[in-house]
């Protein structure tokens, strides 16, 4: 575990000192990746190669496009924080993340939500506050999710 912390710490320092977005990491060991506040316009593609990732924080960036469909590769992901960006859409493939427990899409520019979010049977918290999504989309998703899910709208 200490090795993971060191890798993340070194990667964070490199990003902060150089402003370089691409980092070369040993994907098999990283479980938490914090790319918040990096002025990203899109999610770096190397993120989707890390099949052991359990937590991804891409909040407080300038992401304007939907998260790439390769997000489906992150099958162990439990927490996805994509809040405070400029995304107008979310890919349907997000519904394939069966281990996802927390999905924070708050404060984006979402005008619709994919029905596939309703497939997330382990979801505990779903935050879509601060968006202009269709209530009909959200109602459908809620009807498919476990009743215990905390929906923040």
N, C-alpha and C. Protein backbone atom coordinates (compact mmCIF):
# COMPACT_ATOMS: atom_id res chain seq x y z
N UNK A 1 0.82 -1.20 0.00
CA UNK A 1 0.00 0.00 0.00
C UNK A 1 0.87 1.26 0.00
N UNK A 2 1.97 1.22 0.72
CA UNK A 2 2.86 2.37 0.76
C UNK A 2 3.38 2.71 -0.63
N UNK A 3 3.64 1.68 -1.44
CA UNK A 3 4.10 1.91 -2.81
C UNK A 3 3.09 2.66 -3.64
N UNK A 4 1.81 2.35 -3.44
CA UNK A 4 0.74 3.03 -4.17
C UNK A 4 0.71 4.50 -3.79
N UNK A 5 0.82 4.77 -2.49
CA UNK A 5 0.80 6.15 -2.02
C UNK A 5 1.98 6.92 -2.59
N UNK A 6 3.16 6.31 -2.61
CA UNK A 6 4.35 6.96 -3.15
C UNK A 6 4.17 7.26 -4.63
N UNK A 7 3.65 6.30 -5.39
CA UNK A 7 3.43 6.51 -6.83
C UNK A 7 2.46 7.66 -7.05
N UNK A 8 1.38 7.68 -6.30
CA UNK A 8 0.40 8.76 -6.46
C UNK A 8 1.02 10.09 -6.05
N UNK A 9 1.77 10.11 -4.96
CA UNK A 9 2.41 11.34 -4.51
C UNK A 9 3.39 11.86 -5.54
N UNK A 10 4.22 10.99 -6.08
CA UNK A 10 5.19 11.40 -7.10
C UNK A 10 4.46 11.91 -8.34
N UNK A 11 3.42 11.19 -8.77
CA UNK A 11 2.67 11.61 -9.95
C UNK A 11 2.04 12.98 -9.72
N UNK A 12 1.50 13.22 -8.53
CA UNK A 12 0.88 14.50 -8.22
C UNK A 12 1.92 15.62 -8.22
N UNK A 13 3.08 15.36 -7.64
CA UNK A 13 4.14 16.38 -7.63
C UNK A 13 4.59 16.71 -9.04
N UNK A 14 4.76 15.69 -9.88
CA UNK A 14 5.16 15.91 -11.27
C UNK A 14 4.12 16.77 -11.97
N UNK A 15 2.85 16.46 -11.78
CA UNK A 15 1.79 17.24 -12.42
C UNK A 15 1.81 18.69 -11.93
N UNK A 16 1.98 18.87 -10.63
CA UNK A 16 1.95 20.22 -10.09
C UNK A 16 3.17 21.02 -10.53
N UNK A 17 4.33 20.40 -10.59
CA UNK A 17 5.55 21.13 -10.94
C UNK A 17 5.68 21.41 -12.43
N UNK A 18 5.27 20.47 -13.24
CA UNK A 18 5.50 20.62 -14.67
C UNK A 18 4.25 20.98 -15.46
N UNK A 19 3.09 20.73 -14.88
CA UNK A 19 1.85 20.98 -15.61
C UNK A 19 1.60 19.93 -16.68
N UNK A 20 2.43 18.89 -16.72
CA UNK A 20 2.26 17.83 -17.70
C UNK A 20 1.11 16.95 -17.25
N UNK A 21 0.21 16.67 -18.16
CA UNK A 21 -0.97 15.91 -17.83
C UNK A 21 -0.72 14.40 -17.88
N UNK A 22 0.08 13.93 -18.79
CA UNK A 22 0.32 12.50 -18.92
C UNK A 22 1.34 12.05 -17.89
N UNK A 23 0.98 11.03 -17.13
CA UNK A 23 1.93 10.47 -16.19
C UNK A 23 2.10 8.99 -16.48
N UNK A 24 3.30 8.52 -16.28
CA UNK A 24 3.61 7.11 -16.51
C UNK A 24 3.55 6.40 -15.17
N UNK A 25 2.51 5.59 -14.97
CA UNK A 25 2.33 4.92 -13.70
C UNK A 25 2.20 3.43 -13.91
N UNK A 26 2.47 2.67 -12.87
CA UNK A 26 2.27 1.23 -12.92
C UNK A 26 0.80 0.97 -12.63
N UNK A 27 0.04 0.79 -13.66
CA UNK A 27 -1.41 0.71 -13.57
C UNK A 27 -1.89 -0.44 -12.69
N UNK A 28 -1.11 -1.47 -12.54
CA UNK A 28 -1.57 -2.62 -11.78
C UNK A 28 -1.60 -2.36 -10.28
N UNK A 29 -1.03 -1.26 -9.81
CA UNK A 29 -0.96 -1.00 -8.37
C UNK A 29 -1.81 0.18 -7.92
N UNK A 30 -2.19 1.06 -8.80
CA UNK A 30 -2.93 2.26 -8.40
C UNK A 30 -4.40 1.92 -8.20
N UNK A 31 -4.94 2.29 -7.03
CA UNK A 31 -6.35 2.06 -6.74
C UNK A 31 -7.12 3.36 -6.66
N UNK A 32 -6.42 4.45 -6.38
CA UNK A 32 -7.04 5.77 -6.26
C UNK A 32 -6.27 6.73 -7.16
N UNK A 33 -7.00 7.44 -8.00
CA UNK A 33 -6.37 8.42 -8.88
C UNK A 33 -7.12 9.74 -8.77
N UNK A 34 -6.42 10.75 -8.29
CA UNK A 34 -7.00 12.07 -8.10
C UNK A 34 -6.44 13.02 -9.16
N UNK A 35 -7.29 13.33 -10.14
CA UNK A 35 -6.93 14.28 -11.19
C UNK A 35 -7.77 15.54 -11.08
N UNK A 36 -8.23 15.84 -9.87
CA UNK A 36 -9.05 17.03 -9.67
C UNK A 36 -8.19 18.29 -9.77
N UNK A 37 -8.84 19.36 -10.17
CA UNK A 37 -8.19 20.69 -10.23
C UNK A 37 -6.95 20.72 -11.11
N UNK A 38 -6.97 20.02 -12.24
CA UNK A 38 -5.81 19.99 -13.15
C UNK A 38 -6.08 20.71 -14.47
N UNK A 39 -7.21 21.39 -14.58
CA UNK A 39 -7.59 22.12 -15.79
C UNK A 39 -7.69 21.19 -17.01
N UNK A 40 -8.10 19.97 -16.78
CA UNK A 40 -8.25 19.00 -17.87
C UNK A 40 -9.45 19.35 -18.73
N UNK A 41 -9.31 19.17 -20.05
CA UNK A 41 -10.43 19.35 -20.97
C UNK A 41 -11.09 18.03 -21.31
N UNK A 42 -10.40 16.94 -21.02
CA UNK A 42 -10.92 15.59 -21.25
C UNK A 42 -10.19 14.65 -20.28
N UNK A 43 -10.73 13.47 -20.10
CA UNK A 43 -10.08 12.49 -19.23
C UNK A 43 -8.92 11.87 -20.02
N UNK A 44 -7.71 11.89 -19.46
CA UNK A 44 -6.57 11.29 -20.16
C UNK A 44 -6.83 9.80 -20.47
N UNK A 45 -6.47 9.37 -21.65
CA UNK A 45 -6.80 8.00 -22.08
C UNK A 45 -6.11 6.93 -21.24
N UNK A 46 -4.94 7.23 -20.67
CA UNK A 46 -4.25 6.22 -19.88
C UNK A 46 -5.06 5.79 -18.65
N UNK A 47 -5.98 6.63 -18.21
CA UNK A 47 -6.81 6.31 -17.04
C UNK A 47 -7.59 5.02 -17.28
N UNK A 48 -8.04 4.81 -18.50
CA UNK A 48 -8.91 3.68 -18.81
C UNK A 48 -8.14 2.36 -18.95
N UNK A 49 -6.82 2.43 -18.88
CA UNK A 49 -5.99 1.23 -18.91
C UNK A 49 -5.80 0.64 -17.53
N UNK A 50 -6.16 1.37 -16.51
CA UNK A 50 -5.92 0.95 -15.12
C UNK A 50 -7.10 0.14 -14.61
N UNK A 51 -7.09 -1.15 -14.90
CA UNK A 51 -8.23 -2.01 -14.58
C UNK A 51 -8.43 -2.24 -13.09
N UNK A 52 -7.46 -1.88 -12.26
CA UNK A 52 -7.60 -2.07 -10.81
C UNK A 52 -8.04 -0.80 -10.08
N UNK A 53 -8.30 0.26 -10.83
CA UNK A 53 -8.69 1.53 -10.24
C UNK A 53 -10.03 1.37 -9.51
N UNK A 54 -10.06 1.84 -8.26
CA UNK A 54 -11.28 1.77 -7.46
C UNK A 54 -11.91 3.14 -7.22
N UNK A 55 -11.11 4.19 -7.32
CA UNK A 55 -11.63 5.53 -7.11
C UNK A 55 -10.99 6.48 -8.11
N UNK A 56 -11.83 7.22 -8.82
CA UNK A 56 -11.36 8.19 -9.80
C UNK A 56 -12.01 9.54 -9.51
N UNK A 57 -11.16 10.54 -9.28
CA UNK A 57 -11.65 11.88 -9.03
C UNK A 57 -11.17 12.79 -10.16
N UNK A 58 -12.11 13.21 -10.99
CA UNK A 58 -11.82 14.14 -12.09
C UNK A 58 -12.59 15.44 -11.90
N UNK A 59 -12.93 15.74 -10.66
CA UNK A 59 -13.73 16.92 -10.36
C UNK A 59 -12.95 18.22 -10.54
N UNK A 60 -13.71 19.29 -10.65
CA UNK A 60 -13.14 20.64 -10.71
C UNK A 60 -12.12 20.82 -11.83
N UNK A 61 -12.50 20.35 -13.01
CA UNK A 61 -11.70 20.54 -14.21
C UNK A 61 -12.52 21.33 -15.21
N UNK A 62 -12.16 21.25 -16.46
CA UNK A 62 -12.88 21.93 -17.52
C UNK A 62 -13.29 20.93 -18.60
N UNK A 63 -13.69 19.74 -18.15
CA UNK A 63 -14.06 18.67 -19.06
C UNK A 63 -15.39 19.03 -19.73
N UNK A 64 -15.35 19.17 -21.05
CA UNK A 64 -16.54 19.59 -21.79
C UNK A 64 -17.20 18.45 -22.55
N UNK A 65 -16.45 17.40 -22.82
CA UNK A 65 -17.00 16.26 -23.55
C UNK A 65 -17.36 15.16 -22.56
N UNK A 66 -18.20 14.24 -22.99
CA UNK A 66 -18.57 13.11 -22.14
C UNK A 66 -17.32 12.28 -21.82
N UNK A 67 -17.34 11.66 -20.66
CA UNK A 67 -16.28 10.71 -20.32
C UNK A 67 -16.26 9.67 -21.43
N UNK A 68 -15.09 9.27 -21.87
CA UNK A 68 -14.97 8.33 -22.97
C UNK A 68 -15.64 6.99 -22.63
N UNK A 69 -16.12 6.31 -23.67
CA UNK A 69 -16.83 5.03 -23.49
C UNK A 69 -15.92 3.96 -22.89
N UNK A 70 -14.61 4.15 -22.97
CA UNK A 70 -13.66 3.20 -22.38
C UNK A 70 -13.78 3.15 -20.86
N UNK A 71 -14.59 4.02 -20.27
CA UNK A 71 -14.83 3.96 -18.83
C UNK A 71 -15.32 2.57 -18.43
N UNK A 72 -15.92 1.87 -19.37
CA UNK A 72 -16.41 0.51 -19.10
C UNK A 72 -15.29 -0.44 -18.69
N UNK A 73 -14.04 -0.11 -19.01
CA UNK A 73 -12.89 -0.95 -18.63
C UNK A 73 -12.59 -0.91 -17.13
N UNK A 74 -13.11 0.10 -16.45
CA UNK A 74 -12.80 0.29 -15.03
C UNK A 74 -13.78 -0.52 -14.18
N UNK A 75 -13.75 -1.82 -14.33
CA UNK A 75 -14.75 -2.70 -13.73
C UNK A 75 -14.69 -2.77 -12.21
N UNK A 76 -13.58 -2.36 -11.60
CA UNK A 76 -13.45 -2.38 -10.14
C UNK A 76 -13.77 -1.02 -9.51
N UNK A 77 -14.13 -0.05 -10.34
CA UNK A 77 -14.36 1.30 -9.85
C UNK A 77 -15.54 1.33 -8.87
N UNK A 78 -15.31 1.94 -7.71
CA UNK A 78 -16.34 2.08 -6.69
C UNK A 78 -16.81 3.52 -6.56
N UNK A 79 -15.90 4.46 -6.83
CA UNK A 79 -16.23 5.89 -6.68
C UNK A 79 -15.79 6.64 -7.93
N UNK A 80 -16.73 7.36 -8.53
CA UNK A 80 -16.43 8.23 -9.65
C UNK A 80 -16.95 9.62 -9.33
N UNK A 81 -16.02 10.55 -9.16
CA UNK A 81 -16.38 11.94 -8.90
C UNK A 81 -16.02 12.75 -10.13
N UNK A 82 -17.04 13.15 -10.88
CA UNK A 82 -16.86 13.97 -12.08
C UNK A 82 -17.58 15.31 -11.91
N UNK A 83 -17.71 15.74 -10.67
CA UNK A 83 -18.45 16.97 -10.38
C UNK A 83 -17.68 18.21 -10.81
N UNK A 84 -18.42 19.29 -10.96
CA UNK A 84 -17.86 20.61 -11.25
C UNK A 84 -17.00 20.64 -12.52
N UNK A 85 -17.60 20.15 -13.59
CA UNK A 85 -17.01 20.22 -14.92
C UNK A 85 -18.02 20.88 -15.85
N UNK A 86 -17.86 20.70 -17.13
CA UNK A 86 -18.75 21.32 -18.12
C UNK A 86 -19.38 20.27 -19.04
N UNK A 87 -19.48 19.04 -18.55
CA UNK A 87 -19.98 17.94 -19.39
C UNK A 87 -21.47 18.11 -19.68
N UNK A 88 -21.83 17.88 -20.94
CA UNK A 88 -23.23 17.93 -21.34
C UNK A 88 -23.85 16.54 -21.41
N UNK A 89 -23.01 15.49 -21.38
CA UNK A 89 -23.52 14.13 -21.52
C UNK A 89 -22.65 13.16 -20.72
N UNK A 90 -23.24 12.00 -20.48
CA UNK A 90 -22.56 10.90 -19.79
C UNK A 90 -22.72 9.67 -20.69
N UNK A 91 -21.67 8.88 -20.87
CA UNK A 91 -21.80 7.72 -21.77
C UNK A 91 -22.66 6.62 -21.16
N UNK A 92 -23.39 5.93 -22.00
CA UNK A 92 -24.21 4.80 -21.55
C UNK A 92 -23.36 3.72 -20.89
N UNK A 93 -22.10 3.61 -21.30
CA UNK A 93 -21.20 2.58 -20.77
C UNK A 93 -20.98 2.70 -19.26
N UNK A 94 -21.32 3.82 -18.69
CA UNK A 94 -21.18 3.98 -17.25
C UNK A 94 -22.05 2.95 -16.52
N UNK A 95 -23.10 2.52 -17.18
CA UNK A 95 -24.00 1.52 -16.61
C UNK A 95 -23.38 0.13 -16.51
N UNK A 96 -22.19 -0.05 -17.05
CA UNK A 96 -21.49 -1.34 -16.97
C UNK A 96 -20.59 -1.43 -15.74
N UNK A 97 -20.50 -0.38 -14.97
CA UNK A 97 -19.61 -0.35 -13.80
C UNK A 97 -20.34 -0.93 -12.59
N UNK A 98 -20.45 -2.24 -12.55
CA UNK A 98 -21.27 -2.94 -11.58
C UNK A 98 -20.81 -2.79 -10.13
N UNK A 99 -19.58 -2.36 -9.89
CA UNK A 99 -19.10 -2.17 -8.52
C UNK A 99 -19.24 -0.73 -8.04
N UNK A 100 -19.74 0.14 -8.91
CA UNK A 100 -19.84 1.56 -8.57
C UNK A 100 -20.80 1.77 -7.39
N UNK A 101 -20.31 2.49 -6.39
CA UNK A 101 -21.11 2.78 -5.20
C UNK A 101 -21.46 4.26 -5.10
N UNK A 102 -20.57 5.13 -5.59
CA UNK A 102 -20.81 6.57 -5.54
C UNK A 102 -20.57 7.15 -6.92
N UNK A 103 -21.57 7.82 -7.45
CA UNK A 103 -21.47 8.49 -8.75
C UNK A 103 -21.86 9.94 -8.55
N UNK A 104 -20.88 10.83 -8.66
CA UNK A 104 -21.12 12.25 -8.46
C UNK A 104 -20.93 12.98 -9.79
N UNK A 105 -22.04 13.41 -10.36
CA UNK A 105 -22.05 14.15 -11.62
C UNK A 105 -22.56 15.58 -11.40
N UNK A 106 -22.53 16.03 -10.17
CA UNK A 106 -23.10 17.33 -9.82
C UNK A 106 -22.37 18.49 -10.49
N UNK A 107 -23.13 19.53 -10.71
CA UNK A 107 -22.60 20.81 -11.23
C UNK A 107 -21.86 20.66 -12.55
N UNK A 108 -22.53 20.05 -13.49
CA UNK A 108 -22.08 19.98 -14.88
C UNK A 108 -23.14 20.68 -15.72
N UNK A 109 -23.20 20.34 -16.99
CA UNK A 109 -24.23 20.90 -17.87
C UNK A 109 -25.03 19.78 -18.52
N UNK A 110 -25.32 18.75 -17.72
CA UNK A 110 -26.03 17.58 -18.23
C UNK A 110 -27.47 17.92 -18.57
N UNK A 111 -27.85 17.58 -19.79
CA UNK A 111 -29.23 17.80 -20.23
C UNK A 111 -29.99 16.49 -20.33
N UNK A 112 -29.28 15.39 -20.22
CA UNK A 112 -29.91 14.07 -20.25
C UNK A 112 -29.04 13.10 -19.47
N UNK A 113 -29.66 12.00 -19.06
CA UNK A 113 -28.95 10.96 -18.32
C UNK A 113 -29.22 9.62 -19.00
N UNK A 114 -28.20 8.80 -19.20
CA UNK A 114 -28.43 7.51 -19.85
C UNK A 114 -29.21 6.56 -18.94
N UNK A 115 -30.18 5.88 -19.52
CA UNK A 115 -31.00 4.93 -18.76
C UNK A 115 -30.14 3.84 -18.12
N UNK A 116 -28.98 3.57 -18.70
CA UNK A 116 -28.11 2.50 -18.22
C UNK A 116 -27.61 2.74 -16.79
N UNK A 117 -27.70 3.96 -16.31
CA UNK A 117 -27.33 4.22 -14.91
C UNK A 117 -28.21 3.36 -13.99
N UNK A 118 -29.39 3.06 -14.44
CA UNK A 118 -30.30 2.20 -13.67
C UNK A 118 -29.79 0.78 -13.48
N UNK A 119 -28.74 0.39 -14.21
CA UNK A 119 -28.15 -0.94 -14.07
C UNK A 119 -27.19 -1.04 -12.89
N UNK A 120 -26.90 0.06 -12.25
CA UNK A 120 -25.88 0.10 -11.19
C UNK A 120 -26.48 -0.36 -9.86
N UNK A 121 -26.56 -1.65 -9.67
CA UNK A 121 -27.25 -2.25 -8.52
C UNK A 121 -26.51 -2.09 -7.20
N UNK A 122 -25.22 -1.73 -7.22
CA UNK A 122 -24.47 -1.51 -5.98
C UNK A 122 -24.35 -0.04 -5.62
N UNK A 123 -25.01 0.82 -6.40
CA UNK A 123 -24.94 2.26 -6.17
C UNK A 123 -25.56 2.61 -4.82
N UNK A 124 -24.86 3.46 -4.07
CA UNK A 124 -25.36 3.92 -2.78
C UNK A 124 -25.71 5.41 -2.83
N UNK A 125 -24.92 6.19 -3.60
CA UNK A 125 -25.16 7.63 -3.73
C UNK A 125 -25.04 8.04 -5.19
N UNK A 126 -26.03 8.78 -5.65
CA UNK A 126 -26.06 9.30 -7.02
C UNK A 126 -26.38 10.78 -6.94
N UNK A 127 -25.38 11.63 -7.24
CA UNK A 127 -25.54 13.07 -7.13
C UNK A 127 -25.58 13.68 -8.53
N UNK A 128 -26.74 14.27 -8.86
CA UNK A 128 -26.90 14.95 -10.15
C UNK A 128 -27.36 16.39 -9.95
N UNK A 129 -27.14 16.92 -8.75
CA UNK A 129 -27.58 18.28 -8.47
C UNK A 129 -26.80 19.27 -9.35
N UNK A 130 -27.43 20.41 -9.61
CA UNK A 130 -26.77 21.46 -10.39
C UNK A 130 -26.67 21.16 -11.87
N UNK A 131 -27.60 20.37 -12.39
CA UNK A 131 -27.66 20.05 -13.82
C UNK A 131 -29.05 20.34 -14.34
N UNK A 132 -29.21 20.30 -15.66
CA UNK A 132 -30.50 20.57 -16.28
C UNK A 132 -30.98 19.32 -17.03
N UNK A 133 -30.92 18.18 -16.36
CA UNK A 133 -31.31 16.91 -16.96
C UNK A 133 -32.83 16.80 -17.06
N UNK A 134 -33.27 15.83 -17.81
CA UNK A 134 -34.69 15.56 -17.95
C UNK A 134 -35.19 14.80 -16.71
N UNK A 135 -36.24 15.31 -16.09
CA UNK A 135 -36.82 14.63 -14.93
C UNK A 135 -37.31 13.23 -15.32
N UNK A 136 -37.77 13.10 -16.56
CA UNK A 136 -38.22 11.80 -17.05
C UNK A 136 -37.06 10.80 -17.05
N UNK A 137 -35.87 11.23 -17.47
CA UNK A 137 -34.69 10.36 -17.43
C UNK A 137 -34.40 9.92 -16.00
N UNK A 138 -34.39 10.88 -15.08
CA UNK A 138 -34.08 10.55 -13.69
C UNK A 138 -35.14 9.63 -13.09
N UNK A 139 -36.41 9.88 -13.38
CA UNK A 139 -37.48 9.02 -12.85
C UNK A 139 -37.30 7.58 -13.31
N UNK A 140 -36.95 7.39 -14.58
CA UNK A 140 -36.73 6.04 -15.09
C UNK A 140 -35.56 5.37 -14.37
N UNK A 141 -34.47 6.10 -14.23
CA UNK A 141 -33.28 5.55 -13.55
C UNK A 141 -33.62 5.17 -12.11
N UNK A 142 -34.31 6.05 -11.41
CA UNK A 142 -34.69 5.78 -10.02
C UNK A 142 -35.54 4.51 -9.93
N UNK A 143 -36.41 4.30 -10.91
CA UNK A 143 -37.29 3.12 -10.88
C UNK A 143 -36.50 1.82 -11.03
N UNK A 144 -35.31 1.89 -11.59
CA UNK A 144 -34.47 0.71 -11.81
C UNK A 144 -33.45 0.48 -10.70
N UNK A 145 -33.11 1.53 -9.97
CA UNK A 145 -32.09 1.43 -8.92
C UNK A 145 -32.71 0.88 -7.63
N UNK A 146 -31.87 0.30 -6.76
CA UNK A 146 -32.38 -0.12 -5.44
C UNK A 146 -32.97 1.08 -4.70
N UNK A 147 -34.00 0.85 -3.93
CA UNK A 147 -34.68 1.95 -3.23
C UNK A 147 -33.79 2.60 -2.17
N UNK A 148 -32.73 1.94 -1.78
CA UNK A 148 -31.83 2.47 -0.76
C UNK A 148 -30.85 3.52 -1.29
N UNK A 149 -30.79 3.72 -2.58
CA UNK A 149 -29.84 4.68 -3.16
C UNK A 149 -30.22 6.10 -2.73
N UNK A 150 -29.21 6.84 -2.29
CA UNK A 150 -29.39 8.25 -1.93
C UNK A 150 -29.26 9.07 -3.21
N UNK A 151 -30.37 9.61 -3.67
CA UNK A 151 -30.39 10.45 -4.88
C UNK A 151 -30.32 11.91 -4.45
N UNK A 152 -29.30 12.61 -4.92
CA UNK A 152 -29.16 14.03 -4.61
C UNK A 152 -29.43 14.79 -5.90
N UNK A 153 -30.55 15.55 -5.90
CA UNK A 153 -30.93 16.25 -7.12
C UNK A 153 -31.06 17.74 -6.93
